Amino acid sequence: MKTLKDVKVGENVTVARLHGEGPVKRRIMDMGITKGVEIYVRKVAPLGDPMELNVRGYELSVRKADAEMIEVM
């Protein structure tokens, strides 16, 4: 299983499914990250947290803990 946390800078991936429960999953979905969406990893902070992504035409920063809940292909 490959998660968003494992993706390298400059790669495009597609969301396969979301893990997590209740409010956390809801928050990820509210950010526009849903099944089938394309994500481009723009950059990662020096210590790996947060990651800067392009999702649905806008820029988004997510924490490493949240990125682990997003399964990609």
Protein backbone atom coordinates (compact mmCIF):
# COMPACT_ATOMS: atom_id res chain seq x y z
CA MET A 1 0.00 0.00 0.00
CA LYS A 2 1.47 3.34 -1.10
CA THR A 3 0.38 6.46 0.76
CA LEU A 4 0.75 10.12 -0.11
CA LYS A 5 3.58 10.32 2.43
CA ASP A 6 5.69 7.99 0.22
CA VAL A 7 5.32 10.11 -2.94
CA LYS A 8 8.39 12.02 -4.14
CA VAL A 9 8.45 15.71 -5.09
CA GLY A 10 7.39 16.24 -8.71
CA GLU A 11 5.23 13.11 -8.94
CA ASN A 12 1.57 12.93 -9.95
CA VAL A 13 -0.62 10.37 -8.20
CA THR A 14 -4.30 9.46 -8.06
CA VAL A 15 -6.16 8.94 -4.78
CA ALA A 16 -7.20 5.28 -4.41
CA ARG A 17 -8.96 5.55 -1.03
CA LEU A 18 -9.01 7.41 2.26
CA HIS A 19 -8.31 5.84 5.63
CA GLY A 20 -9.15 7.44 8.96
CA GLU A 21 -12.29 7.94 10.97
CA GLY A 22 -15.00 10.56 11.42
CA PRO A 23 -13.85 14.19 11.68
CA VAL A 24 -10.34 13.52 10.35
CA LYS A 25 -11.61 11.82 7.19
CA ARG A 26 -14.26 14.51 6.78
CA ARG A 27 -11.59 17.26 7.01
CA ILE A 28 -9.47 15.57 4.32
CA MET A 29 -12.51 15.28 2.06
CA ASP A 30 -13.43 18.94 2.72
CA MET A 31 -9.97 19.90 1.41
CA GLY A 32 -10.96 18.36 -1.94
CA ILE A 33 -9.04 15.11 -1.54
CA THR A 34 -11.47 12.39 -2.60
CA LYS A 35 -11.20 9.08 -4.44
CA GLY A 36 -10.04 9.46 -8.06
CA VAL A 37 -8.58 12.95 -7.64
CA GLU A 38 -5.15 13.76 -9.14
CA ILE A 39 -2.53 15.14 -6.74
CA TYR A 40 0.78 16.72 -7.71
CA VAL A 41 3.44 16.91 -4.97
CA ARG A 42 4.99 20.38 -5.33
CA LYS A 43 7.43 20.35 -2.44
CA VAL A 44 8.12 18.95 1.00
CA ALA A 45 9.47 20.96 3.92
CA PRO A 46 13.08 20.18 4.98
CA LEU A 47 11.97 18.02 7.90
CA GLY A 48 9.24 16.37 5.82
CA ASP A 49 6.32 18.20 7.41
CA PRO A 50 4.18 19.65 5.84
CA MET A 51 3.87 18.63 2.19
CA GLU A 52 2.74 21.16 -0.40
CA LEU A 53 0.33 19.75 -2.98
CA ASN A 54 -1.61 20.86 -6.03
CA VAL A 55 -5.16 19.48 -5.84
CA ARG A 56 -8.02 20.47 -8.16
CA GLY A 57 -6.11 23.55 -9.34
CA TYR A 58 -5.20 25.00 -5.94
CA GLU A 59 -2.28 24.68 -3.53
CA LEU A 60 -2.70 22.81 -0.28
CA SER A 61 -0.41 21.95 2.62
CA VAL A 62 -1.00 18.74 4.54
CA ARG A 63 0.70 17.26 7.58
CA LYS A 64 2.59 14.00 7.29
CA ALA A 65 0.09 12.33 9.65
CA ASP A 66 -2.78 13.25 7.30
CA ALA A 67 -0.78 12.21 4.21
CA GLU A 68 -0.43 8.70 5.70
CA MET A 69 -4.21 8.31 5.61
CA ILE A 70 -4.40 8.93 1.85
CA GLU A 71 -3.78 5.78 -0.20
CA VAL A 72 -2.58 6.54 -3.73
CA MET A 73 -1.75 4.71 -6.96
